[in-house]
PDB file of N, CA and C in Angstrom:
ATOM      1  N   MET A   1      68.554 101.127 127.224  1.00  0.00           N
ATOM      2  CA  MET A   1      69.454 100.053 127.592  1.00  0.00           C
ATOM      3  C   MET A   1      70.725 100.065 126.734  1.00  0.00           C
ATOM      4  N   ILE A   2      70.566 100.397 125.479  1.00  0.00           N
ATOM      5  CA  ILE A   2      71.724 100.407 124.592  1.00  0.00           C
ATOM      6  C   ILE A   2      72.735 101.456 125.038  1.00  0.00           C
ATOM      7  N   ASP A   3      72.236 102.639 125.379  1.00  0.00           N
ATOM      8  CA  ASP A   3      73.143 103.703 125.821  1.00  0.00           C
ATOM      9  C   ASP A   3      73.895 103.291 127.080  1.00  0.00           C
ATOM     10  N   ILE A   4      73.229 102.634 127.983  1.00  0.00           N
ATOM     11  CA  ILE A   4      73.867 102.177 129.227  1.00  0.00           C
ATOM     12  C   ILE A   4      74.956 101.161 128.905  1.00  0.00           C
ATOM     13  N   ALA A   5      74.655 100.233 128.024  1.00  0.00           N
ATOM     14  CA  ALA A   5      75.636  99.211 127.646  1.00  0.00           C
ATOM     15  C   ALA A   5      76.842  99.845 126.954  1.00  0.00           C
ATOM     16  N   LEU A   6      76.600 100.800 126.057  1.00  0.00           N
ATOM     17  CA  LEU A   6      77.697 101.476 125.367  1.00  0.00           C
ATOM     18  C   LEU A   6      78.563 102.272 126.341  1.00  0.00           C
ATOM     19  N   ASP A   7      77.913 102.952 127.295  1.00  0.00           N
ATOM     20  CA  ASP A   7      78.668 103.701 128.302  1.00  0.00           C
ATOM     21  C   ASP A   7      79.541 102.775 129.132  1.00  0.00           C
ATOM     22  N   ARG A   8      79.002 101.632 129.518  1.00  0.00           N
ATOM     23  CA  ARG A   8      79.758 100.662 130.316  1.00  0.00           C
ATOM     24  C   ARG A   8      80.954 100.125 129.527  1.00  0.00           C
ATOM     25  N   LEU A   9      80.749  99.800 128.269  1.00  0.00           N
ATOM     26  CA  LEU A   9      81.857  99.306 127.437  1.00  0.00           C
ATOM     27  C   LEU A   9      82.939 100.362 127.256  1.00  0.00           C
ATOM     28  N   THR A  10      82.530 101.617 127.112  1.00  0.00           N
ATOM     29  CA  THR A  10      83.488 102.706 126.972  1.00  0.00           C
ATOM     30  C   THR A  10      84.289 102.889 128.252  1.00  0.00           C
ATOM     31  N   GLU A  11      83.609 102.858 129.397  1.00  0.00           N
ATOM     32  CA  GLU A  11      84.283 103.005 130.689  1.00  0.00           C
ATOM     33  C   GLU A  11      85.287 101.882 130.936  1.00  0.00           C
ATOM     34  N   GLU A  12      84.962 100.689 130.479  1.00  0.00           N
ATOM     35  CA  GLU A  12      85.846  99.536 130.679  1.00  0.00           C
ATOM     36  C   GLU A  12      86.957  99.473 129.633  1.00  0.00           C
ATOM     37  N   GLY A  13      86.949 100.401 128.685  1.00  0.00           N
ATOM     38  CA  GLY A  13      87.984 100.434 127.661  1.00  0.00           C
ATOM     39  C   GLY A  13      87.791  99.412 126.558  1.00  0.00           C
ATOM     40  N   LEU A  14      86.621  98.824 126.492  1.00  0.00           N
ATOM     41  CA  LEU A  14      86.343  97.816 125.468  1.00  0.00           C
ATOM     42  C   LEU A  14      85.791  98.432 124.183  1.00  0.00           C
ATOM     43  N   LEU A  15      85.376  99.672 124.274  1.00  0.00           N
ATOM     44  CA  LEU A  15      84.855 100.393 123.120  1.00  0.00           C
ATOM     45  C   LEU A  15      85.628 101.699 123.033  1.00  0.00           C
ATOM     46  N   SER A  16      86.531 101.776 122.065  1.00  0.00           N
ATOM     47  CA  SER A  16      87.431 102.923 121.994  1.00  0.00           C
ATOM     48  C   SER A  16      87.583 103.385 120.553  1.00  0.00           C
ATOM     49  N   GLU A  17      87.338 104.670 120.327  1.00  0.00           N
ATOM     50  CA  GLU A  17      87.470 105.222 118.983  1.00  0.00           C
ATOM     51  C   GLU A  17      88.921 105.181 118.530  1.00  0.00           C
ATOM     52  N   SER A  18      89.856 105.441 119.432  1.00  0.00           N
ATOM     53  CA  SER A  18      91.268 105.435 119.043  1.00  0.00           C
ATOM     54  C   SER A  18      91.727 104.028 118.658  1.00  0.00           C
ATOM     55  N   ARG A  19      91.249 103.007 119.365  1.00  0.00           N
ATOM     56  CA  ARG A  19      91.590 101.631 118.991  1.00  0.00           C
ATOM     57  C   ARG A  19      90.965 101.274 117.644  1.00  0.00           C
ATOM     58  N   TYR A  20      89.762 101.739 117.404  1.00  0.00           N
ATOM     59  CA  TYR A  20      89.110 101.494 116.123  1.00  0.00           C
ATOM     60  C   TYR A  20      89.925 102.131 114.999  1.00  0.00           C
ATOM     61  N   LEU A  21      90.332 103.395 115.188  1.00  0.00           N
ATOM     62  CA  LEU A  21      91.124 104.084 114.175  1.00  0.00           C
ATOM     63  C   LEU A  21      92.422 103.336 113.901  1.00  0.00           C
ATOM     64  N   GLU A  22      93.107 102.951 114.936  1.00  0.00           N
ATOM     65  CA  GLU A  22      94.373 102.229 114.792  1.00  0.00           C
ATOM     66  C   GLU A  22      94.175 100.920 114.030  1.00  0.00           C
ATOM     67  N   SER A  23      93.165 100.188 114.393  1.00  0.00           N
ATOM     68  CA  SER A  23      92.888  98.907 113.752  1.00  0.00           C
ATOM     69  C   SER A  23      92.489  99.089 112.291  1.00  0.00           C
ATOM     70  N   TYR A  24      91.633 100.054 112.018  1.00  0.00           N
ATOM     71  CA  TYR A  24      91.163 100.297 110.661  1.00  0.00           C
ATOM     72  C   TYR A  24      92.316 100.716 109.753  1.00  0.00           C
ATOM     73  N   ILE A  25      93.131 101.644 110.230  1.00  0.00           N
ATOM     74  CA  ILE A  25      94.273 102.119 109.441  1.00  0.00           C
ATOM     75  C   ILE A  25      95.227 100.970 109.158  1.00  0.00           C
ATOM     76  N   SER A  26      95.509 100.170 110.150  1.00  0.00           N
ATOM     77  CA  SER A  26      96.413  99.033 109.978  1.00  0.00           C
ATOM     78  C   SER A  26      95.870  98.046 108.948  1.00  0.00           C
ATOM     79  N   TYR A  27      94.594  97.745 109.042  1.00  0.00           N
ATOM     80  CA  TYR A  27      93.968  96.802 108.124  1.00  0.00           C
ATOM     81  C   TYR A  27      93.998  97.314 106.685  1.00  0.00           C
ATOM     82  N   ARG A  28      93.579  98.568 106.494  1.00  0.00           N
ATOM     83  CA  ARG A  28      93.505  99.115 105.128  1.00  0.00           C
ATOM     84  C   ARG A  28      94.899  99.327 104.537  1.00  0.00           C
ATOM     85  N   ALA A  29      95.842  99.792 105.340  1.00  0.00           N
ATOM     86  CA  ALA A  29      97.212  99.974 104.849  1.00  0.00           C
ATOM     87  C   ALA A  29      97.814  98.623 104.482  1.00  0.00           C
ATOM     88  N   GLY A  30      97.526  97.614 105.269  1.00  0.00           N
ATOM     89  CA  GLY A  30      98.003  96.267 104.971  1.00  0.00           C
ATOM     90  C   GLY A  30      97.398  95.708 103.692  1.00  0.00           C
ATOM     91  N   SER A  31      96.264  96.247 103.299  1.00  0.00           N
ATOM     92  CA  SER A  31      95.607  95.833 102.056  1.00  0.00           C
ATOM     93  C   SER A  31      96.049  96.667 100.866  1.00  0.00           C
ATOM     94  N   GLY A  32      97.024  97.559 101.068  1.00  0.00           N
ATOM     95  CA  GLY A  32      97.579  98.331  99.965  1.00  0.00           C
ATOM     96  C   GLY A  32      96.958  99.697  99.743  1.00  0.00           C
ATOM     97  N   TYR A  33      96.175 100.183 100.682  1.00  0.00           N
ATOM     98  CA  TYR A  33      95.555 101.493 100.528  1.00  0.00           C
ATOM     99  C   TYR A  33      96.403 102.566 101.186  1.00  0.00           C
ATOM    100  N   GLY A  34      96.397 103.752 100.593  1.00  0.00           N
ATOM    101  CA  GLY A  34      97.210 104.860 101.061  1.00  0.00           C
ATOM    102  C   GLY A  34      96.467 105.782 102.006  1.00  0.00           C
ATOM    103  N   PRO A  35      97.179 106.766 102.529  1.00  0.00           N
ATOM    104  CA  PRO A  35      96.612 107.645 103.548  1.00  0.00           C
ATOM    105  C   PRO A  35      95.448 108.505 103.066  1.00  0.00           C
ATOM    106  N   LEU A  36      95.448 108.914 101.806  1.00  0.00           N
ATOM    107  CA  LEU A  36      94.352 109.748 101.316  1.00  0.00           C
ATOM    108  C   LEU A  36      93.041 108.978 101.280  1.00  0.00           C
ATOM    109  N   ARG A  37      93.092 107.766 100.809  1.00  0.00           N
ATOM    110  CA  ARG A  37      91.883 106.923 100.730  1.00  0.00           C
ATOM    111  C   ARG A  37      91.396 106.547 102.129  1.00  0.00           C
ATOM    112  N   ILE A  38      92.318 106.166 102.991  1.00  0.00           N
ATOM    113  CA  ILE A  38      91.952 105.781 104.361  1.00  0.00           C
ATOM    114  C   ILE A  38      91.328 106.967 105.089  1.00  0.00           C
ATOM    115  N   ARG A  39      91.926 108.136 104.931  1.00  0.00           N
ATOM    116  CA  ARG A  39      91.410 109.356 105.570  1.00  0.00           C
ATOM    117  C   ARG A  39      89.976 109.616 105.107  1.00  0.00           C
ATOM    118  N   GLU A  40      89.735 109.516 103.815  1.00  0.00           N
ATOM    119  CA  GLU A  40      88.401 109.774 103.278  1.00  0.00           C
ATOM    120  C   GLU A  40      87.384 108.757 103.794  1.00  0.00           C
ATOM    121  N   GLU A  41      87.768 107.495 103.832  1.00  0.00           N
ATOM    122  CA  GLU A  41      86.849 106.461 104.336  1.00  0.00           C
ATOM    123  C   GLU A  41      86.476 106.713 105.796  1.00  0.00           C
ATOM    124  N   LEU A  42      87.451 107.088 106.604  1.00  0.00           N
ATOM    125  CA  LEU A  42      87.174 107.344 108.019  1.00  0.00           C
ATOM    126  C   LEU A  42      86.324 108.595 108.201  1.00  0.00           C
ATOM    127  N   ASN A  43      86.581 109.611 107.391  1.00  0.00           N
ATOM    128  CA  ASN A  43      85.756 110.826 107.473  1.00  0.00           C
ATOM    129  C   ASN A  43      84.317 110.530 107.073  1.00  0.00           C
ATOM    130  N   GLN A  44      84.117 109.666 106.088  1.00  0.00           N
ATOM    131  CA  GLN A  44      82.763 109.294 105.665  1.00  0.00           C
ATOM    132  C   GLN A  44      82.024 108.521 106.754  1.00  0.00           C
ATOM    133  N   ARG A  45      82.771 107.892 107.634  1.00  0.00           N
ATOM    134  CA  ARG A  45      82.162 107.151 108.744  1.00  0.00           C
ATOM    135  C   ARG A  45      81.811 108.065 109.914  1.00  0.00           C
ATOM    136  N   GLY A  46      82.060 109.370 109.744  1.00  0.00           N
ATOM    137  CA  GLY A  46      81.653 110.334 110.762  1.00  0.00           C
ATOM    138  C   GLY A  46      82.640 110.522 111.892  1.00  0.00           C
ATOM    139  N   LEU A  47      83.861 110.055 111.729  1.00  0.00           N
ATOM    140  CA  LEU A  47      84.856 110.227 112.777  1.00  0.00           C
ATOM    141  C   LEU A  47      85.455 111.624 112.692  1.00  0.00           C
ATOM    142  N   SER A  48      85.894 112.122 113.806  1.00  0.00           N
ATOM    143  CA  SER A  48      86.461 113.465 113.900  1.00  0.00           C
ATOM    144  C   SER A  48      87.687 113.601 113.006  1.00  0.00           C
ATOM    145  N   ARG A  49      87.726 114.667 112.206  1.00  0.00           N
ATOM    146  CA  ARG A  49      88.868 114.897 111.306  1.00  0.00           C
ATOM    147  C   ARG A  49      90.176 114.977 112.091  1.00  0.00           C
ATOM    148  N   GLY A  50      90.152 115.654 113.214  1.00  0.00           N
ATOM    149  CA  GLY A  50      91.352 115.786 114.035  1.00  0.00           C
ATOM    150  C   GLY A  50      91.859 114.445 114.524  1.00  0.00           C
ATOM    151  N   ASP A  51      90.944 113.600 114.987  1.00  0.00           N
ATOM    152  CA  ASP A  51      91.328 112.266 115.453  1.00  0.00           C
ATOM    153  C   ASP A  51      91.870 111.412 114.319  1.00  0.00           C
ATOM    154  N   VAL A  52      91.247 111.525 113.148  1.00  0.00           N
ATOM    155  CA  VAL A  52      91.691 110.761 111.980  1.00  0.00           C
ATOM    156  C   VAL A  52      93.094 111.205 111.585  1.00  0.00           C
ATOM    157  N   GLU A  53      93.317 112.511 111.509  1.00  0.00           N
ATOM    158  CA  GLU A  53      94.631 113.042 111.136  1.00  0.00           C
ATOM    159  C   GLU A  53      95.708 112.574 112.110  1.00  0.00           C
ATOM    160  N   GLN A  54      95.401 112.660 113.380  1.00  0.00           N
ATOM    161  CA  GLN A  54      96.361 112.247 114.398  1.00  0.00           C
ATOM    162  C   GLN A  54      96.660 110.757 114.289  1.00  0.00           C
ATOM    163  N   ALA A  55      95.652 109.949 114.097  1.00  0.00           N
ATOM    164  CA  ALA A  55      95.844 108.501 113.986  1.00  0.00           C
ATOM    165  C   ALA A  55      96.689 108.147 112.764  1.00  0.00           C
ATOM    166  N   ILE A  56      96.475 108.829 111.654  1.00  0.00           N
ATOM    167  CA  ILE A  56      97.268 108.560 110.448  1.00  0.00           C
ATOM    168  C   ILE A  56      98.719 108.981 110.659  1.00  0.00           C
ATOM    169  N   ARG A  57      98.928 110.129 111.318  1.00  0.00           N
ATOM    170  CA  ARG A  57     100.299 110.578 111.601  1.00  0.00           C
ATOM    171  C   ARG A  57     101.031 109.624 112.531  1.00  0.00           C
ATOM    172  N   GLU A  58     100.319 109.080 113.502  1.00  0.00           N
ATOM    173  CA  GLU A  58     100.945 108.265 114.543  1.00  0.00           C
ATOM    174  C   GLU A  58     100.918 106.766 114.263  1.00  0.00           C
ATOM    175  N   CYS A  59     100.426 106.368 113.113  1.00  0.00           N
ATOM    176  CA  CYS A  59     100.253 104.938 112.845  1.00  0.00           C
ATOM    177  C   CYS A  59     101.566 104.188 112.655  1.00  0.00           C
ATOM    178  N   GLY A  60     102.628 104.895 112.296  1.00  0.00           N
ATOM    179  CA  GLY A  60     103.922 104.249 112.155  1.00  0.00           C
ATOM    180  C   GLY A  60     104.192 103.614 110.804  1.00  0.00           C
ATOM    181  N   PHE A  61     103.302 103.830 109.854  1.00  0.00           N
ATOM    182  CA  PHE A  61     103.515 103.274 108.525  1.00  0.00           C
ATOM    183  C   PHE A  61     104.431 104.189 107.727  1.00  0.00           C
ATOM    184  N   ASN A  62     105.282 103.582 106.923  1.00  0.00           N
ATOM    185  CA  ASN A  62     106.067 104.328 105.948  1.00  0.00           C
ATOM    186  C   ASN A  62     105.263 104.254 104.660  1.00  0.00           C
ATOM    187  N   TRP A  63     104.550 105.333 104.354  1.00  0.00           N
ATOM    188  CA  TRP A  63     103.623 105.317 103.234  1.00  0.00           C
ATOM    189  C   TRP A  63     104.332 105.139 101.904  1.00  0.00           C
ATOM    190  N   GLN A  64     105.569 105.633 101.786  1.00  0.00           N
ATOM    191  CA  GLN A  64     106.310 105.459 100.537  1.00  0.00           C
ATOM    192  C   GLN A  64     106.617 103.975 100.331  1.00  0.00           C
ATOM    193  N   GLU A  65     106.965 103.273 101.396  1.00  0.00           N
ATOM    194  CA  GLU A  65     107.205 101.827 101.288  1.00  0.00           C
ATOM    195  C   GLU A  65     105.918 101.086 100.963  1.00  0.00           C
ATOM    196  N   GLN A  66     104.811 101.515 101.562  1.00  0.00           N
ATOM    197  CA  GLN A  66     103.515 100.901 101.276  1.00  0.00           C
ATOM    198  C   GLN A  66     103.159 101.083  99.804  1.00  0.00           C
ATOM    199  N   LEU A  67     103.405 102.285  99.296  1.00  0.00           N
ATOM    200  CA  LEU A  67     103.141 102.579  97.886  1.00  0.00           C
ATOM    201  C   LEU A  67     103.971 101.670  96.992  1.00  0.00           C
ATOM    202  N   GLU A  68     105.247 101.567  97.278  1.00  0.00           N
ATOM    203  CA  GLU A  68     106.134 100.740  96.461  1.00  0.00           C
ATOM    204  C   GLU A  68     105.710  99.270  96.493  1.00  0.00           C
ATOM    205  N   ASP A  69     105.337  98.793  97.662  1.00  0.00           N
ATOM    206  CA  ASP A  69     104.895  97.398  97.787  1.00  0.00           C
ATOM    207  C   ASP A  69     103.624  97.155  96.983  1.00  0.00           C
ATOM    208  N   THR A  70     102.671  98.072  97.080  1.00  0.00           N
ATOM    209  CA  THR A  70     101.420  97.956  96.316  1.00  0.00           C
ATOM    210  C   THR A  70     101.704  97.962  94.822  1.00  0.00           C
ATOM    211  N   TRP A  71     102.579  98.879  94.396  1.00  0.00           N
ATOM    212  CA  TRP A  71     102.952  98.986  92.984  1.00  0.00           C
ATOM    213  C   TRP A  71     103.631  97.715  92.495  1.00  0.00           C
ATOM    214  N   ARG A  72     104.562  97.178  93.285  1.00  0.00           N
ATOM    215  CA  ARG A  72     105.279  95.950  92.887  1.00  0.00           C
ATOM    216  C   ARG A  72     104.310  94.759  92.751  1.00  0.00           C
ATOM    217  N   ARG A  73     103.366  94.663  93.686  1.00  0.00           N
ATOM    218  CA  ARG A  73     102.407  93.556  93.615  1.00  0.00           C
ATOM    219  C   ARG A  73     101.520  93.663  92.379  1.00  0.00           C
ATOM    220  N   LYS A  74     101.115  94.871  92.027  1.00  0.00           N
ATOM    221  CA  LYS A  74     100.203  95.043  90.895  1.00  0.00           C
ATOM    222  C   LYS A  74     100.927  95.029  89.552  1.00  0.00           C
ATOM    223  N   PHE A  75     102.091  95.669  89.482  1.00  0.00           N
ATOM    224  CA  PHE A  75     102.763  95.862  88.200  1.00  0.00           C
ATOM    225  C   PHE A  75     104.106  95.140  88.105  1.00  0.00           C
ATOM    226  N   ALA A  76     104.381  94.251  89.017  1.00  0.00           N
ATOM    227  CA  ALA A  76     105.610  93.431  89.027  1.00  0.00           C
ATOM    228  C   ALA A  76     106.883  94.280  88.957  1.00  0.00           C
ATOM    229  N   GLY A  77     106.816  95.494  89.481  1.00  0.00           N
ATOM    230  CA  GLY A  77     107.992  96.341  89.526  1.00  0.00           C
ATOM    231  C   GLY A  77     108.449  96.881  88.190  1.00  0.00           C
ATOM    232  N   ALA A  78     107.582  96.849  87.202  1.00  0.00           N
ATOM    233  CA  ALA A  78     107.947  97.325  85.855  1.00  0.00           C
ATOM    234  C   ALA A  78     107.589  98.801  85.717  1.00  0.00           C
ATOM    235  N   LEU A  79     108.618  99.636  85.624  1.00  0.00           N
ATOM    236  CA  LEU A  79     108.372 101.061  85.408  1.00  0.00           C
ATOM    237  C   LEU A  79     107.685 101.252  84.060  1.00  0.00           C
ATOM    238  N   PRO A  80     106.797 102.241  83.958  1.00  0.00           N
ATOM    239  CA  PRO A  80     106.091 102.477  82.699  1.00  0.00           C
ATOM    240  C   PRO A  80     107.049 102.887  81.584  1.00  0.00           C
ATOM    241  N   GLU A  81     106.803 102.331  80.404  1.00  0.00           N
ATOM    242  CA  GLU A  81     107.665 102.633  79.254  1.00  0.00           C
ATOM    243  C   GLU A  81     107.113 103.737  78.370  1.00  0.00           C
ATOM    244  N   ASP A  82     105.839 104.046  78.522  1.00  0.00           N
ATOM    245  CA  ASP A  82     105.256 105.124  77.727  1.00  0.00           C
ATOM    246  C   ASP A  82     104.213 105.868  78.560  1.00  0.00           C
ATOM    247  N   ALA A  83     103.699 106.953  78.004  1.00  0.00           N
ATOM    248  CA  ALA A  83     102.758 107.812  78.727  1.00  0.00           C
ATOM    249  C   ALA A  83     101.458 107.077  79.070  1.00  0.00           C
ATOM    250  N   LYS A  84     101.007 106.223  78.177  1.00  0.00           N
ATOM    251  CA  LYS A  84      99.757 105.497  78.410  1.00  0.00           C
ATOM    252  C   LYS A  84      99.893 104.565  79.620  1.00  0.00           C
ATOM    253  N   GLU A  85     100.997 103.846  79.702  1.00  0.00           N
ATOM    254  CA  GLU A  85     101.220 102.936  80.830  1.00  0.00           C
ATOM    255  C   GLU A  85     101.450 103.726  82.119  1.00  0.00           C
ATOM    256  N   ARG A  86     102.145 104.834  82.013  1.00  0.00           N
ATOM    257  CA  ARG A  86     102.367 105.685  83.195  1.00  0.00           C
ATOM    258  C   ARG A  86     101.026 106.186  83.733  1.00  0.00           C
ATOM    259  N   ALA A  87     100.146 106.599  82.840  1.00  0.00           N
ATOM    260  CA  ALA A  87      98.823 107.073  83.254  1.00  0.00           C
ATOM    261  C   ALA A  87      98.021 105.943  83.888  1.00  0.00           C
ATOM    262  N   ARG A  88      98.099 104.754  83.336  1.00  0.00           N
ATOM    263  CA  ARG A  88      97.369 103.611  83.885  1.00  0.00           C
ATOM    264  C   ARG A  88      97.854 103.284  85.296  1.00  0.00           C
ATOM    265  N   GLN A  89      99.148 103.216  85.468  1.00  0.00           N
ATOM    266  CA  GLN A  89      99.701 102.925  86.791  1.00  0.00           C
ATOM    267  C   GLN A  89      99.373 104.053  87.769  1.00  0.00           C
ATOM    268  N   GLY A  90      99.489 105.280  87.293  1.00  0.00           N
ATOM    269  CA  GLY A  90      99.190 106.429  88.146  1.00  0.00           C
ATOM    270  C   GLY A  90      97.743 106.457  88.602  1.00  0.00           C
ATOM    271  N   ARG A  91      96.822 106.150  87.697  1.00  0.00           N
ATOM    272  CA  ARG A  91      95.392 106.108  88.060  1.00  0.00           C
ATOM    273  C   ARG A  91      95.130 105.058  89.131  1.00  0.00           C
ATOM    274  N   PHE A  92      95.725 103.878  88.956  1.00  0.00           N
ATOM    275  CA  PHE A  92      95.521 102.810  89.932  1.00  0.00           C
ATOM    276  C   PHE A  92      96.026 103.238  91.312  1.00  0.00           C
ATOM    277  N   LEU A  93      97.228 103.776  91.363  1.00  0.00           N
ATOM    278  CA  LEU A  93      97.817 104.161  92.646  1.00  0.00           C
ATOM    279  C   LEU A  93      97.091 105.348  93.268  1.00  0.00           C
ATOM    280  N   SER A  94      96.620 106.261  92.441  1.00  0.00           N
ATOM    281  CA  SER A  94      95.852 107.393  92.937  1.00  0.00           C
ATOM    282  C   SER A  94      94.529 106.916  93.533  1.00  0.00           C
ATOM    283  N   TYR A  95      93.871 105.992  92.845  1.00  0.00           N
ATOM    284  CA  TYR A  95      92.626 105.417  93.351  1.00  0.00           C
ATOM    285  C   TYR A  95      92.858 104.734  94.694  1.00  0.00           C
ATOM    286  N   ARG A  96      94.005 104.137  94.864  1.00  0.00           N
ATOM    287  CA  ARG A  96      94.347 103.468  96.108  1.00  0.00           C
ATOM    288  C   ARG A  96      94.607 104.443  97.248  1.00  0.00           C
ATOM    289  N   GLY A  97      94.799 105.729  96.926  1.00  0.00           N
ATOM    290  CA  GLY A  97      94.913 106.729  97.981  1.00  0.00           C
ATOM    291  C   GLY A  97      96.299 107.267  98.235  1.00  0.00           C
ATOM    292  N   TYR A  98      97.143 107.238  97.229  1.00  0.00           N
ATOM    293  CA  TYR A  98      98.480 107.799  97.373  1.00  0.00           C
ATOM    294  C   TYR A  98      98.527 109.150  96.673  1.00  0.00           C
ATOM    295  N   SER A  99      99.352 110.054  97.192  1.00  0.00           N
ATOM    296  CA  SER A  99      99.421 111.408  96.629  1.00  0.00           C
ATOM    297  C   SER A  99     100.113 111.389  95.275  1.00  0.00           C
ATOM    298  N   LEU A 100      99.784 112.381  94.460  1.00  0.00           N
ATOM    299  CA  LEU A 100     100.389 112.490  93.132  1.00  0.00           C
ATOM    300  C   LEU A 100     101.898 112.688  93.238  1.00  0.00           C
ATOM    301  N   GLU A 101     102.335 113.379  94.269  1.00  0.00           N
ATOM    302  CA  GLU A 101     103.777 113.580  94.478  1.00  0.00           C
ATOM    303  C   GLU A 101     104.488 112.247  94.706  1.00  0.00           C
ATOM    304  N   MET A 102     103.926 111.424  95.567  1.00  0.00           N
ATOM    305  CA  MET A 102     104.523 110.116  95.853  1.00  0.00           C
ATOM    306  C   MET A 102     104.523 109.240  94.600  1.00  0.00           C
ATOM    307  N   ILE A 103     103.413 109.259  93.877  1.00  0.00           N
ATOM    308  CA  ILE A 103     103.287 108.447  92.661  1.00  0.00           C
ATOM    309  C   ILE A 103     104.292 108.905  91.607  1.00  0.00           C
ATOM    310  N   GLY A 104     104.382 110.204  91.414  1.00  0.00           N
ATOM    311  CA  GLY A 104     105.315 110.740  90.429  1.00  0.00           C
ATOM    312  C   GLY A 104     106.747 110.365  90.744  1.00  0.00           C
ATOM    313  N   ARG A 105     107.101 110.433  92.004  1.00  0.00           N
ATOM    314  CA  ARG A 105     108.454 110.071  92.432  1.00  0.00           C
ATOM    315  C   ARG A 105     108.727 108.597  92.130  1.00  0.00           C
ATOM    316  N   LEU A 106     107.773 107.753  92.433  1.00  0.00           N
ATOM    317  CA  LEU A 106     107.932 106.319  92.197  1.00  0.00           C
ATOM    318  C   LEU A 106     108.023 106.006  90.713  1.00  0.00           C
ATOM    319  N   LEU A 107     107.089 106.509  89.921  1.00  0.00           N
ATOM    320  CA  LEU A 107     107.017 106.151  88.508  1.00  0.00           C
ATOM    321  C   LEU A 107     108.127 106.785  87.664  1.00  0.00           C
ATOM    322  N   SER A 108     108.748 107.826  88.190  1.00  0.00           N
ATOM    323  CA  SER A 108     109.868 108.423  87.456  1.00  0.00           C
ATOM    324  C   SER A 108     111.151 107.633  87.689  1.00  0.00           C
ATOM    325  N   GLY A 109     111.118 106.746  88.669  1.00  0.00           N
ATOM    326  CA  GLY A 109     112.304 105.946  88.975  1.00  0.00           C
ATOM    327  C   GLY A 109     113.225 106.596  89.978  1.00  0.00           C
ATOM    328  N   ARG A 110     112.916 107.832  90.391  1.00  0.00           N
ATOM    329  CA  ARG A 110     113.769 108.533  91.363  1.00  0.00           C
ATOM    330  C   ARG A 110     113.812 107.811  92.688  1.00  0.00           C
ATOM    331  N   GLU A 111     112.757 107.125  93.022  1.00  0.00           N
ATOM    332  CA  GLU A 111     112.681 106.408  94.300  1.00  0.00           C
ATOM    333  C   GLU A 111     113.789 105.372  94.412  1.00  0.00           C
ATOM    334  N   PHE A 112     114.224 104.840  93.294  1.00  0.00           N
ATOM    335  CA  PHE A 112     115.195 103.756  93.305  1.00  0.00           C
ATOM    336  C   PHE A 112     116.636 104.253  93.229  1.00  0.00           C
ATOM    337  N   TYR A 113     116.812 105.545  92.940  1.00  0.00           N
ATOM    338  CA  TYR A 113     118.155 106.061  92.752  1.00  0.00           C
ATOM    339  C   TYR A 113     118.576 107.050  93.809  1.00  0.00           C
ATOM    340  N   ASP A 114     117.671 107.437  94.705  1.00  0.00           N
ATOM    341  CA  ASP A 114     118.012 108.403  95.767  1.00  0.00           C
ATOM    342  C   ASP A 114     118.666 107.708  96.941  1.00  0.00           C
TER     343      ASP A 114
END
């Protein structure tokens, strides 16, 4: 009976993997998580890597802006003054799922001068 119900919901468009991906990405990105973390969470849920990659590419988020917003909320926009603080901020942002390249660009201050 469960399989029949799931098939019916899928046929009616009420159960859709692409809608789930879109919703999940939107929710997690809105919570300050980056593409690397979101990708890993979706892969752990058994979703197709290709579908996950496509959904992340097509989601319409500007990940650099998301990173900056997350950083500003956590660190009040204060660039690190020493290596210890830079490492602390970098660890937090990396854990959130942003690439080291994006983090380095932000924490070096280049993001604000380009």
